[in-house]
Amino acid sequence: MDPRCPTRQLLDRIGTKWTSMAVKVLAEEAPGELRFAELRRRVPGISQKMLSVTLQSLVRDGLVGRRVEPTVPPAVHYRLTALGLSLEDPLSALRAWAEAHMPEIDRNHQLADESPLD
């Protein structure tokens, strides 16, 4: 695939588990917002650094909006934009496909591990 291919470019940006999970959590809250700490609590296993990097990328791509309250310390809120909300359906379909097919993929993986290499 050509590096300029829109599909490749999109998958390079949103093809991580953290991006998918952040979009899912924010979609569940839509049209509302979540503060950083609450978002982190709802994304099991993500580090503060990784959530920060993920959110920065999503904001830069216009998928997530960021609002800062001028308090001490600043309260930062995140929400999906209309563009981000439009991504939830395709990601939801991918999650459903994974849930339906991962047992079969895991079985195939196990069989391949048990078979001698050709």
PDB file of N, CA and C in Angstrom:
ATOM      1  N   MET A   1       0.823  -1.179   0.000  1.00  0.00           N
ATOM      2  CA  MET A   1       0.000   0.000   0.000  1.00  0.00           C
ATOM      3  C   MET A   1       0.874   1.252   0.000  1.00  0.00           C
ATOM      4  N   ASP A   2       0.459   2.179  -0.775  1.00  0.00           N
ATOM      5  CA  ASP A   2       1.142   3.464  -0.872  1.00  0.00           C
ATOM      6  C   ASP A   2       1.073   4.193   0.474  1.00  0.00           C
ATOM      7  N   PRO A   3       2.184   4.766   0.956  1.00  0.00           N
ATOM      8  CA  PRO A   3       2.156   5.494   2.227  1.00  0.00           C
ATOM      9  C   PRO A   3       1.146   6.650   2.230  1.00  0.00           C
ATOM     10  N   ARG A   4       0.759   7.136   1.052  1.00  0.00           N
ATOM     11  CA  ARG A   4      -0.221   8.220   0.960  1.00  0.00           C
ATOM     12  C   ARG A   4      -1.659   7.705   0.959  1.00  0.00           C
ATOM     13  N   CYS A   5      -1.838   6.396   0.986  1.00  0.00           N
ATOM     14  CA  CYS A   5      -3.176   5.806   0.982  1.00  0.00           C
ATOM     15  C   CYS A   5      -3.936   6.257   2.234  1.00  0.00           C
ATOM     16  N   PRO A   6      -5.155   6.785   2.069  1.00  0.00           N
ATOM     17  CA  PRO A   6      -5.911   7.250   3.237  1.00  0.00           C
ATOM     18  C   PRO A   6      -6.139   6.162   4.289  1.00  0.00           C
ATOM     19  N   THR A   7      -6.370   4.930   3.862  1.00  0.00           N
ATOM     20  CA  THR A   7      -6.586   3.850   4.825  1.00  0.00           C
ATOM     21  C   THR A   7      -5.336   3.625   5.657  1.00  0.00           C
ATOM     22  N   ARG A   8      -4.206   3.584   5.017  1.00  0.00           N
ATOM     23  CA  ARG A   8      -2.946   3.386   5.738  1.00  0.00           C
ATOM     24  C   ARG A   8      -2.679   4.545   6.697  1.00  0.00           C
ATOM     25  N   GLN A   9      -2.900   5.756   6.231  1.00  0.00           N
ATOM     26  CA  GLN A   9      -2.687   6.917   7.083  1.00  0.00           C
ATOM     27  C   GLN A   9      -3.606   6.876   8.298  1.00  0.00           C
ATOM     28  N   LEU A  10      -4.869   6.510   8.088  1.00  0.00           N
ATOM     29  CA  LEU A  10      -5.813   6.449   9.198  1.00  0.00           C
ATOM     30  C   LEU A  10      -5.420   5.357  10.189  1.00  0.00           C
ATOM     31  N   LEU A  11      -5.085   4.175   9.697  1.00  0.00           N
ATOM     32  CA  LEU A  11      -4.705   3.085  10.592  1.00  0.00           C
ATOM     33  C   LEU A  11      -3.436   3.410  11.368  1.00  0.00           C
ATOM     34  N   ASP A  12      -2.518   4.145  10.752  1.00  0.00           N
ATOM     35  CA  ASP A  12      -1.323   4.582  11.473  1.00  0.00           C
ATOM     36  C   ASP A  12      -1.702   5.469  12.655  1.00  0.00           C
ATOM     37  N   ARG A  13      -2.777   6.221  12.519  1.00  0.00           N
ATOM     38  CA  ARG A  13      -3.175   7.161  13.565  1.00  0.00           C
ATOM     39  C   ARG A  13      -4.108   6.564  14.603  1.00  0.00           C
ATOM     40  N   ILE A  14      -5.032   5.722  14.181  1.00  0.00           N
ATOM     41  CA  ILE A  14      -6.045   5.234  15.120  1.00  0.00           C
ATOM     42  C   ILE A  14      -5.959   3.745  15.393  1.00  0.00           C
ATOM     43  N   GLY A  15      -4.960   3.084  14.850  1.00  0.00           N
ATOM     44  CA  GLY A  15      -4.885   1.632  14.941  1.00  0.00           C
ATOM     45  C   GLY A  15      -4.328   1.072  16.236  1.00  0.00           C
ATOM     46  N   THR A  16      -4.292   1.863  17.295  1.00  0.00           N
ATOM     47  CA  THR A  16      -3.786   1.349  18.563  1.00  0.00           C
ATOM     48  C   THR A  16      -4.937   1.001  19.491  1.00  0.00           C
ATOM     49  N   LYS A  17      -4.676   0.098  20.407  1.00  0.00           N
ATOM     50  CA  LYS A  17      -5.723  -0.274  21.365  1.00  0.00           C
ATOM     51  C   LYS A  17      -6.120   0.910  22.226  1.00  0.00           C
ATOM     52  N   TRP A  18      -5.159   1.766  22.557  1.00  0.00           N
ATOM     53  CA  TRP A  18      -5.467   2.898  23.440  1.00  0.00           C
ATOM     54  C   TRP A  18      -6.374   3.898  22.746  1.00  0.00           C
ATOM     55  N   THR A  19      -6.150   4.135  21.468  1.00  0.00           N
ATOM     56  CA  THR A  19      -7.012   5.050  20.729  1.00  0.00           C
ATOM     57  C   THR A  19      -8.424   4.501  20.674  1.00  0.00           C
ATOM     58  N   SER A  20      -8.552   3.238  20.341  1.00  0.00           N
ATOM     59  CA  SER A  20      -9.870   2.613  20.263  1.00  0.00           C
ATOM     60  C   SER A  20     -10.586   2.667  21.608  1.00  0.00           C
ATOM     61  N   MET A  21      -9.868   2.391  22.677  1.00  0.00           N
ATOM     62  CA  MET A  21     -10.482   2.410  24.004  1.00  0.00           C
ATOM     63  C   MET A  21     -10.869   3.820  24.429  1.00  0.00           C
ATOM     64  N   ALA A  22     -10.038   4.802  24.142  1.00  0.00           N
ATOM     65  CA  ALA A  22     -10.356   6.182  24.504  1.00  0.00           C
ATOM     66  C   ALA A  22     -11.585   6.660  23.741  1.00  0.00           C
ATOM     67  N   VAL A  23     -11.666   6.342  22.464  1.00  0.00           N
ATOM     68  CA  VAL A  23     -12.837   6.731  21.668  1.00  0.00           C
ATOM     69  C   VAL A  23     -14.087   6.065  22.223  1.00  0.00           C
ATOM     70  N   LYS A  24     -13.990   4.779  22.575  1.00  0.00           N
ATOM     71  CA  LYS A  24     -15.147   4.068  23.122  1.00  0.00           C
ATOM     72  C   LYS A  24     -15.632   4.722  24.420  1.00  0.00           C
ATOM     73  N   VAL A  25     -14.729   5.001  25.326  1.00  0.00           N
ATOM     74  CA  VAL A  25     -15.096   5.594  26.612  1.00  0.00           C
ATOM     75  C   VAL A  25     -15.702   6.986  26.410  1.00  0.00           C
ATOM     76  N   LEU A  26     -15.095   7.778  25.547  1.00  0.00           N
ATOM     77  CA  LEU A  26     -15.634   9.110  25.289  1.00  0.00           C
ATOM     78  C   LEU A  26     -16.987   9.037  24.573  1.00  0.00           C
ATOM     79  N   ALA A  27     -17.175   8.043  23.711  1.00  0.00           N
ATOM     80  CA  ALA A  27     -18.461   7.876  23.023  1.00  0.00           C
ATOM     81  C   ALA A  27     -19.556   7.515  24.014  1.00  0.00           C
ATOM     82  N   GLU A  28     -19.218   6.713  25.026  1.00  0.00           N
ATOM     83  CA  GLU A  28     -20.196   6.347  26.049  1.00  0.00           C
ATOM     84  C   GLU A  28     -20.657   7.577  26.830  1.00  0.00           C
ATOM     85  N   GLU A  29     -19.810   8.579  26.922  1.00  0.00           N
ATOM     86  CA  GLU A  29     -20.115   9.793  27.678  1.00  0.00           C
ATOM     87  C   GLU A  29     -20.763  10.872  26.802  1.00  0.00           C
ATOM     88  N   ALA A  30     -20.668  10.724  25.482  1.00  0.00           N
ATOM     89  CA  ALA A  30     -21.140  11.750  24.540  1.00  0.00           C
ATOM     90  C   ALA A  30     -22.622  12.028  24.746  1.00  0.00           C
ATOM     91  N   PRO A  31     -23.011  13.272  24.645  1.00  0.00           N
ATOM     92  CA  PRO A  31     -22.226  14.427  24.218  1.00  0.00           C
ATOM     93  C   PRO A  31     -21.457  15.096  25.356  1.00  0.00           C
ATOM     94  N   GLY A  32     -21.410  14.447  26.502  1.00  0.00           N
ATOM     95  CA  GLY A  32     -20.720  15.028  27.646  1.00  0.00           C
ATOM     96  C   GLY A  32     -19.212  14.943  27.540  1.00  0.00           C
ATOM     97  N   GLU A  33     -18.571  15.397  28.587  1.00  0.00           N
ATOM     98  CA  GLU A  33     -17.115  15.449  28.660  1.00  0.00           C
ATOM     99  C   GLU A  33     -16.626  14.585  29.824  1.00  0.00           C
ATOM    100  N   LEU A  34     -15.357  14.252  29.755  1.00  0.00           N
ATOM    101  CA  LEU A  34     -14.689  13.562  30.860  1.00  0.00           C
ATOM    102  C   LEU A  34     -13.393  14.288  31.177  1.00  0.00           C
ATOM    103  N   ARG A  35     -13.102  14.378  32.466  1.00  0.00           N
ATOM    104  CA  ARG A  35     -11.808  14.907  32.865  1.00  0.00           C
ATOM    105  C   ARG A  35     -10.756  13.824  32.681  1.00  0.00           C
ATOM    106  N   PHE A  36      -9.513  14.259  32.592  1.00  0.00           N
ATOM    107  CA  PHE A  36      -8.396  13.352  32.340  1.00  0.00           C
ATOM    108  C   PHE A  36      -8.382  12.195  33.326  1.00  0.00           C
ATOM    109  N   ALA A  37      -8.478  12.493  34.616  1.00  0.00           N
ATOM    110  CA  ALA A  37      -8.375  11.443  35.639  1.00  0.00           C
ATOM    111  C   ALA A  37      -9.501  10.430  35.510  1.00  0.00           C
ATOM    112  N   GLU A  38     -10.708  10.883  35.210  1.00  0.00           N
ATOM    113  CA  GLU A  38     -11.835   9.962  35.048  1.00  0.00           C
ATOM    114  C   GLU A  38     -11.648   9.104  33.803  1.00  0.00           C
ATOM    115  N   LEU A  39     -11.173   9.697  32.749  1.00  0.00           N
ATOM    116  CA  LEU A  39     -10.893   8.946  31.524  1.00  0.00           C
ATOM    117  C   LEU A  39      -9.839   7.877  31.796  1.00  0.00           C
ATOM    118  N   ARG A  40      -8.826   8.230  32.544  1.00  0.00           N
ATOM    119  CA  ARG A  40      -7.777   7.253  32.881  1.00  0.00           C
ATOM    120  C   ARG A  40      -8.347   6.102  33.707  1.00  0.00           C
ATOM    121  N   ARG A  41      -9.244   6.388  34.635  1.00  0.00           N
ATOM    122  CA  ARG A  41      -9.863   5.322  35.434  1.00  0.00           C
ATOM    123  C   ARG A  41     -10.685   4.374  34.569  1.00  0.00           C
ATOM    124  N   ARG A  42     -11.261   4.896  33.508  1.00  0.00           N
ATOM    125  CA  ARG A  42     -12.139   4.083  32.659  1.00  0.00           C
ATOM    126  C   ARG A  42     -11.403   3.328  31.558  1.00  0.00           C
ATOM    127  N   VAL A  43     -10.097   3.562  31.426  1.00  0.00           N
ATOM    128  CA  VAL A  43      -9.283   2.854  30.431  1.00  0.00           C
ATOM    129  C   VAL A  43      -8.275   2.003  31.193  1.00  0.00           C
ATOM    130  N   PRO A  44      -8.645   0.778  31.536  1.00  0.00           N
ATOM    131  CA  PRO A  44      -7.776  -0.072  32.354  1.00  0.00           C
ATOM    132  C   PRO A  44      -6.407  -0.307  31.715  1.00  0.00           C
ATOM    133  N   GLY A  45      -5.372  -0.155  32.535  1.00  0.00           N
ATOM    134  CA  GLY A  45      -4.020  -0.476  32.097  1.00  0.00           C
ATOM    135  C   GLY A  45      -3.256   0.643  31.416  1.00  0.00           C
ATOM    136  N   ILE A  46      -3.918   1.742  31.109  1.00  0.00           N
ATOM    137  CA  ILE A  46      -3.208   2.816  30.402  1.00  0.00           C
ATOM    138  C   ILE A  46      -2.427   3.665  31.413  1.00  0.00           C
ATOM    139  N   SER A  47      -1.226   4.031  31.030  1.00  0.00           N
ATOM    140  CA  SER A  47      -0.432   4.911  31.886  1.00  0.00           C
ATOM    141  C   SER A  47      -0.848   6.365  31.637  1.00  0.00           C
ATOM    142  N   GLN A  48      -0.495   7.216  32.573  1.00  0.00           N
ATOM    143  CA  GLN A  48      -0.791   8.636  32.422  1.00  0.00           C
ATOM    144  C   GLN A  48      -0.129   9.180  31.164  1.00  0.00           C
ATOM    145  N   LYS A  49       1.115   8.795  30.939  1.00  0.00           N
ATOM    146  CA  LYS A  49       1.868   9.255  29.764  1.00  0.00           C
ATOM    147  C   LYS A  49       1.198   8.796  28.473  1.00  0.00           C
ATOM    148  N   MET A  50       0.801   7.517  28.402  1.00  0.00           N
ATOM    149  CA  MET A  50       0.203   6.995  27.178  1.00  0.00           C
ATOM    150  C   MET A  50      -1.154   7.636  26.913  1.00  0.00           C
ATOM    151  N   LEU A  51      -1.935   7.874  27.973  1.00  0.00           N
ATOM    152  CA  LEU A  51      -3.221   8.540  27.774  1.00  0.00           C
ATOM    153  C   LEU A  51      -2.991   9.963  27.274  1.00  0.00           C
ATOM    154  N   SER A  52      -2.021  10.645  27.832  1.00  0.00           N
ATOM    155  CA  SER A  52      -1.714  12.002  27.399  1.00  0.00           C
ATOM    156  C   SER A  52      -1.319  12.031  25.924  1.00  0.00           C
ATOM    157  N   VAL A  53      -0.442  11.128  25.518  1.00  0.00           N
ATOM    158  CA  VAL A  53       0.010  11.057  24.118  1.00  0.00           C
ATOM    159  C   VAL A  53      -1.170  10.724  23.202  1.00  0.00           C
ATOM    160  N   THR A  54      -2.000   9.779  23.629  1.00  0.00           N
ATOM    161  CA  THR A  54      -3.158   9.370  22.827  1.00  0.00           C
ATOM    162  C   THR A  54      -4.128  10.528  22.650  1.00  0.00           C
ATOM    163  N   LEU A  55      -4.431  11.227  23.733  1.00  0.00           N
ATOM    164  CA  LEU A  55      -5.363  12.348  23.657  1.00  0.00           C
ATOM    165  C   LEU A  55      -4.798  13.487  22.814  1.00  0.00           C
ATOM    166  N   GLN A  56      -3.502  13.763  22.949  1.00  0.00           N
ATOM    167  CA  GLN A  56      -2.893  14.807  22.119  1.00  0.00           C
ATOM    168  C   GLN A  56      -3.058  14.490  20.642  1.00  0.00           C
ATOM    169  N   SER A  57      -2.846  13.233  20.283  1.00  0.00           N
ATOM    170  CA  SER A  57      -2.987  12.816  18.889  1.00  0.00           C
ATOM    171  C   SER A  57      -4.436  12.953  18.413  1.00  0.00           C
ATOM    172  N   LEU A  58      -5.373  12.530  19.259  1.00  0.00           N
ATOM    173  CA  LEU A  58      -6.786  12.613  18.892  1.00  0.00           C
ATOM    174  C   LEU A  58      -7.245  14.074  18.773  1.00  0.00           C
ATOM    175  N   VAL A  59      -6.743  14.933  19.636  1.00  0.00           N
ATOM    176  CA  VAL A  59      -7.072  16.359  19.546  1.00  0.00           C
ATOM    177  C   VAL A  59      -6.492  16.940  18.265  1.00  0.00           C
ATOM    178  N   ARG A  60      -5.256  16.595  17.979  1.00  0.00           N
ATOM    179  CA  ARG A  60      -4.584  17.114  16.774  1.00  0.00           C
ATOM    180  C   ARG A  60      -5.322  16.704  15.508  1.00  0.00           C
ATOM    181  N   ASP A  61      -5.873  15.488  15.497  1.00  0.00           N
ATOM    182  CA  ASP A  61      -6.613  15.002  14.333  1.00  0.00           C
ATOM    183  C   ASP A  61      -8.045  15.527  14.280  1.00  0.00           C
ATOM    184  N   GLY A  62      -8.467  16.235  15.317  1.00  0.00           N
ATOM    185  CA  GLY A  62      -9.815  16.785  15.329  1.00  0.00           C
ATOM    186  C   GLY A  62     -10.890  15.795  15.748  1.00  0.00           C
ATOM    187  N   LEU A  63     -10.479  14.662  16.322  1.00  0.00           N
ATOM    188  CA  LEU A  63     -11.432  13.647  16.766  1.00  0.00           C
ATOM    189  C   LEU A  63     -11.924  13.910  18.184  1.00  0.00           C
ATOM    190  N   VAL A  64     -11.124  14.618  18.953  1.00  0.00           N
ATOM    191  CA  VAL A  64     -11.446  14.918  20.350  1.00  0.00           C
ATOM    192  C   VAL A  64     -11.274  16.418  20.573  1.00  0.00           C
ATOM    193  N   GLY A  65     -12.207  16.979  21.330  1.00  0.00           N
ATOM    194  CA  GLY A  65     -12.100  18.365  21.742  1.00  0.00           C
ATOM    195  C   GLY A  65     -11.559  18.434  23.156  1.00  0.00           C
ATOM    196  N   ARG A  66     -10.815  19.477  23.450  1.00  0.00           N
ATOM    197  CA  ARG A  66     -10.180  19.661  24.760  1.00  0.00           C
ATOM    198  C   ARG A  66     -10.586  21.033  25.290  1.00  0.00           C
ATOM    199  N   ARG A  67     -11.031  21.055  26.534  1.00  0.00           N
ATOM    200  CA  ARG A  67     -11.418  22.313  27.175  1.00  0.00           C
ATOM    201  C   ARG A  67     -10.696  22.412  28.509  1.00  0.00           C
ATOM    202  N   VAL A  68     -10.064  23.554  28.750  1.00  0.00           N
ATOM    203  CA  VAL A  68      -9.309  23.773  29.981  1.00  0.00           C
ATOM    204  C   VAL A  68     -10.011  24.840  30.802  1.00  0.00           C
ATOM    205  N   GLU A  69     -10.311  24.508  32.049  1.00  0.00           N
ATOM    206  CA  GLU A  69     -10.863  25.493  32.986  1.00  0.00           C
ATOM    207  C   GLU A  69      -9.693  26.172  33.692  1.00  0.00           C
ATOM    208  N   PRO A  70      -9.738  27.494  33.774  1.00  0.00           N
ATOM    209  CA  PRO A  70      -8.618  28.222  34.386  1.00  0.00           C
ATOM    210  C   PRO A  70      -8.678  28.177  35.914  1.00  0.00           C
ATOM    211  N   THR A  71      -8.545  26.982  36.447  1.00  0.00           N
ATOM    212  CA  THR A  71      -8.515  26.797  37.895  1.00  0.00           C
ATOM    213  C   THR A  71      -7.102  26.398  38.297  1.00  0.00           C
ATOM    214  N   VAL A  72      -6.869  26.285  39.580  1.00  0.00           N
ATOM    215  CA  VAL A  72      -5.558  25.834  40.058  1.00  0.00           C
ATOM    216  C   VAL A  72      -5.775  24.547  40.844  1.00  0.00           C
ATOM    217  N   PRO A  73      -5.281  23.416  40.379  1.00  0.00           N
ATOM    218  CA  PRO A  73      -4.683  23.212  39.054  1.00  0.00           C
ATOM    219  C   PRO A  73      -5.762  23.263  37.971  1.00  0.00           C
ATOM    220  N   PRO A  74      -5.342  23.438  36.700  1.00  0.00           N
ATOM    221  CA  PRO A  74      -6.319  23.515  35.614  1.00  0.00           C
ATOM    222  C   PRO A  74      -7.120  22.217  35.506  1.00  0.00           C
ATOM    223  N   ALA A  75      -8.413  22.346  35.269  1.00  0.00           N
ATOM    224  CA  ALA A  75      -9.267  21.180  35.024  1.00  0.00           C
ATOM    225  C   ALA A  75      -9.388  21.021  33.513  1.00  0.00           C
ATOM    226  N   VAL A  76      -8.968  19.873  33.011  1.00  0.00           N
ATOM    227  CA  VAL A  76      -8.981  19.627  31.565  1.00  0.00           C
ATOM    228  C   VAL A  76     -10.068  18.603  31.258  1.00  0.00           C
ATOM    229  N   HIS A  77     -10.920  18.943  30.298  1.00  0.00           N
ATOM    230  CA  HIS A  77     -12.053  18.106  29.913  1.00  0.00           C
ATOM    231  C   HIS A  77     -11.891  17.685  28.448  1.00  0.00           C
ATOM    232  N   TYR A  78     -12.317  16.455  28.155  1.00  0.00           N
ATOM    233  CA  TYR A  78     -12.237  15.928  26.794  1.00  0.00           C
ATOM    234  C   TYR A  78     -13.607  15.426  26.369  1.00  0.00           C
ATOM    235  N   ARG A  79     -13.894  15.582  25.075  1.00  0.00           N
ATOM    236  CA  ARG A  79     -15.134  15.080  24.497  1.00  0.00           C
ATOM    237  C   ARG A  79     -14.865  14.724  23.042  1.00  0.00           C
ATOM    238  N   LEU A  80     -15.671  13.812  22.518  1.00  0.00           N
ATOM    239  CA  LEU A  80     -15.557  13.511  21.093  1.00  0.00           C
ATOM    240  C   LEU A  80     -16.186  14.634  20.289  1.00  0.00           C
ATOM    241  N   THR A  81     -15.548  14.972  19.195  1.00  0.00           N
ATOM    242  CA  THR A  81     -16.132  15.904  18.237  1.00  0.00           C
ATOM    243  C   THR A  81     -17.106  15.114  17.357  1.00  0.00           C
ATOM    244  N   ALA A  82     -17.798  15.791  16.472  1.00  0.00           N
ATOM    245  CA  ALA A  82     -18.685  15.102  15.527  1.00  0.00           C
ATOM    246  C   ALA A  82     -17.875  14.107  14.686  1.00  0.00           C
ATOM    247  N   LEU A  83     -16.683  14.505  14.298  1.00  0.00           N
ATOM    248  CA  LEU A  83     -15.819  13.605  13.525  1.00  0.00           C
ATOM    249  C   LEU A  83     -15.447  12.379  14.355  1.00  0.00           C
ATOM    250  N   GLY A  84     -15.116  12.600  15.614  1.00  0.00           N
ATOM    251  CA  GLY A  84     -14.781  11.483  16.503  1.00  0.00           C
ATOM    252  C   GLY A  84     -15.960  10.556  16.719  1.00  0.00           C
ATOM    253  N   LEU A  85     -17.144  11.130  16.887  1.00  0.00           N
ATOM    254  CA  LEU A  85     -18.349  10.296  17.041  1.00  0.00           C
ATOM    255  C   LEU A  85     -18.597   9.442  15.807  1.00  0.00           C
ATOM    256  N   SER A  86     -18.280   9.979  14.636  1.00  0.00           N
ATOM    257  CA  SER A  86     -18.486   9.207  13.405  1.00  0.00           C
ATOM    258  C   SER A  86     -17.533   8.020  13.307  1.00  0.00           C
ATOM    259  N   LEU A  87     -16.461   8.038  14.085  1.00  0.00           N
ATOM    260  CA  LEU A  87     -15.501   6.927  14.105  1.00  0.00           C
ATOM    261  C   LEU A  87     -15.976   5.786  15.006  1.00  0.00           C
ATOM    262  N   GLU A  88     -16.871   6.068  15.945  1.00  0.00           N
ATOM    263  CA  GLU A  88     -17.294   5.054  16.905  1.00  0.00           C
ATOM    264  C   GLU A  88     -17.985   3.872  16.238  1.00  0.00           C
ATOM    265  N   ASP A  89     -18.832   4.095  15.238  1.00  0.00           N
ATOM    266  CA  ASP A  89     -19.518   2.975  14.586  1.00  0.00           C
ATOM    267  C   ASP A  89     -18.537   1.989  13.931  1.00  0.00           C
ATOM    268  N   PRO A  90     -17.583   2.468  13.116  1.00  0.00           N
ATOM    269  CA  PRO A  90     -16.615   1.509  12.551  1.00  0.00           C
ATOM    270  C   PRO A  90     -15.792   0.789  13.622  1.00  0.00           C
ATOM    271  N   LEU A  91     -15.387   1.508  14.670  1.00  0.00           N
ATOM    272  CA  LEU A  91     -14.620   0.859  15.736  1.00  0.00           C
ATOM    273  C   LEU A  91     -15.491  -0.148  16.487  1.00  0.00           C
ATOM    274  N   SER A  92     -16.754   0.165  16.685  1.00  0.00           N
ATOM    275  CA  SER A  92     -17.680  -0.753  17.341  1.00  0.00           C
ATOM    276  C   SER A  92     -17.846  -2.025  16.513  1.00  0.00           C
ATOM    277  N   ALA A  93     -17.936  -1.864  15.203  1.00  0.00           N
ATOM    278  CA  ALA A  93     -18.049  -3.035  14.317  1.00  0.00           C
ATOM    279  C   ALA A  93     -16.792  -3.894  14.413  1.00  0.00           C
ATOM    280  N   LEU A  94     -15.640  -3.273  14.495  1.00  0.00           N
ATOM    281  CA  LEU A  94     -14.382  -4.013  14.636  1.00  0.00           C
ATOM    282  C   LEU A  94     -14.336  -4.754  15.963  1.00  0.00           C
ATOM    283  N   ARG A  95     -14.787  -4.101  17.050  1.00  0.00           N
ATOM    284  CA  ARG A  95     -14.830  -4.775  18.357  1.00  0.00           C
ATOM    285  C   ARG A  95     -15.771  -5.971  18.320  1.00  0.00           C
ATOM    286  N   ALA A  96     -16.923  -5.819  17.688  1.00  0.00           N
ATOM    287  CA  ALA A  96     -17.885  -6.925  17.587  1.00  0.00           C
ATOM    288  C   ALA A  96     -17.281  -8.078  16.783  1.00  0.00           C
ATOM    289  N   TRP A  97     -16.590  -7.750  15.694  1.00  0.00           N
ATOM    290  CA  TRP A  97     -15.952  -8.784  14.883  1.00  0.00           C
ATOM    291  C   TRP A  97     -14.906  -9.518  15.715  1.00  0.00           C
ATOM    292  N   ALA A  98     -14.115  -8.770  16.467  1.00  0.00           N
ATOM    293  CA  ALA A  98     -13.068  -9.379  17.307  1.00  0.00           C
ATOM    294  C   ALA A  98     -13.686 -10.305  18.343  1.00  0.00           C
ATOM    295  N   GLU A  99     -14.753  -9.863  19.003  1.00  0.00           N
ATOM    296  CA  GLU A  99     -15.403 -10.702  20.013  1.00  0.00           C
ATOM    297  C   GLU A  99     -15.950 -11.987  19.405  1.00  0.00           C
ATOM    298  N   ALA A 100     -16.461 -11.900  18.181  1.00  0.00           N
ATOM    299  CA  ALA A 100     -17.018 -13.079  17.516  1.00  0.00           C
ATOM    300  C   ALA A 100     -15.944 -14.031  17.011  1.00  0.00           C
ATOM    301  N   HIS A 101     -14.790 -13.512  16.627  1.00  0.00           N
ATOM    302  CA  HIS A 101     -13.800 -14.340  15.935  1.00  0.00           C
ATOM    303  C   HIS A 101     -12.510 -14.621  16.700  1.00  0.00           C
ATOM    304  N   MET A 102     -12.269 -13.931  17.817  1.00  0.00           N
ATOM    305  CA  MET A 102     -11.019 -14.173  18.540  1.00  0.00           C
ATOM    306  C   MET A 102     -10.867 -15.605  19.037  1.00  0.00           C
ATOM    307  N   PRO A 103     -11.931 -16.285  19.479  1.00  0.00           N
ATOM    308  CA  PRO A 103     -11.733 -17.686  19.874  1.00  0.00           C
ATOM    309  C   PRO A 103     -11.194 -18.544  18.714  1.00  0.00           C
ATOM    310  N   GLU A 104     -11.717 -18.331  17.527  1.00  0.00           N
ATOM    311  CA  GLU A 104     -11.237 -19.081  16.363  1.00  0.00           C
ATOM    312  C   GLU A 104      -9.795 -18.705  16.023  1.00  0.00           C
ATOM    313  N   ILE A 105      -9.490 -17.429  16.087  1.00  0.00           N
ATOM    314  CA  ILE A 105      -8.121 -16.982  15.810  1.00  0.00           C
ATOM    315  C   ILE A 105      -7.160 -17.546  16.845  1.00  0.00           C
ATOM    316  N   ASP A 106      -7.582 -17.541  18.121  1.00  0.00           N
ATOM    317  CA  ASP A 106      -6.735 -18.114  19.178  1.00  0.00           C
ATOM    318  C   ASP A 106      -6.506 -19.609  18.961  1.00  0.00           C
ATOM    319  N   ARG A 107      -7.567 -20.335  18.550  1.00  0.00           N
ATOM    320  CA  ARG A 107      -7.407 -21.773  18.258  1.00  0.00           C
ATOM    321  C   ARG A 107      -6.428 -21.984  17.114  1.00  0.00           C
ATOM    322  N   ASN A 108      -6.562 -21.199  16.063  1.00  0.00           N
ATOM    323  CA  ASN A 108      -5.638 -21.324  14.928  1.00  0.00           C
ATOM    324  C   ASN A 108      -4.209 -21.006  15.347  1.00  0.00           C
ATOM    325  N   HIS A 109      -4.055 -20.029  16.202  1.00  0.00           N
ATOM    326  CA  HIS A 109      -2.733 -19.655  16.708  1.00  0.00           C
ATOM    327  C   HIS A 109      -2.128 -20.812  17.497  1.00  0.00           C
ATOM    328  N   GLN A 110      -2.941 -21.418  18.357  1.00  0.00           N
ATOM    329  CA  GLN A 110      -2.468 -22.543  19.157  1.00  0.00           C
ATOM    330  C   GLN A 110      -2.095 -23.724  18.264  1.00  0.00           C
ATOM    331  N   LEU A 111      -2.920 -24.023  17.257  1.00  0.00           N
ATOM    332  CA  LEU A 111      -2.615 -25.126  16.334  1.00  0.00           C
ATOM    333  C   LEU A 111      -1.312 -24.862  15.577  1.00  0.00           C
ATOM    334  N   ALA A 112      -1.119 -23.631  15.163  1.00  0.00           N
ATOM    335  CA  ALA A 112       0.105 -23.291  14.452  1.00  0.00           C
ATOM    336  C   ALA A 112       1.326 -23.452  15.355  1.00  0.00           C
ATOM    337  N   ASP A 113       1.189 -23.092  16.638  1.00  0.00           N
ATOM    338  CA  ASP A 113       2.284 -23.245  17.578  1.00  0.00           C
ATOM    339  C   ASP A 113       2.616 -24.701  17.841  1.00  0.00           C
ATOM    340  N   GLU A 114       1.590 -25.571  17.784  1.00  0.00           N
ATOM    341  CA  GLU A 114       1.786 -26.990  18.053  1.00  0.00           C
ATOM    342  C   GLU A 114       2.292 -27.762  16.843  1.00  0.00           C
ATOM    343  N   SER A 115       2.133 -27.207  15.658  1.00  0.00           N
ATOM    344  CA  SER A 115       2.544 -27.874  14.419  1.00  0.00           C
ATOM    345  C   SER A 115       4.016 -27.618  14.153  1.00  0.00           C
ATOM    346  N   PRO A 116       4.695 -28.638  13.605  1.00  0.00           N
ATOM    347  CA  PRO A 116       6.103 -28.414  13.238  1.00  0.00           C
ATOM    348  C   PRO A 116       6.164 -27.423  12.070  1.00  0.00           C
ATOM    349  N   LEU A 117       7.204 -26.612  12.069  1.00  0.00           N
ATOM    350  CA  LEU A 117       7.361 -25.653  10.977  1.00  0.00           C
ATOM    351  C   LEU A 117       7.699 -26.367   9.700  1.00  0.00           C
ATOM    352  N   ASP A 118       7.157 -25.877   8.602  1.00  0.00           N
ATOM    353  CA  ASP A 118       7.436 -26.478   7.273  1.00  0.00           C
ATOM    354  C   ASP A 118       8.741 -25.989   6.737  1.00  0.00           C
TER     355      ASP A 118
END
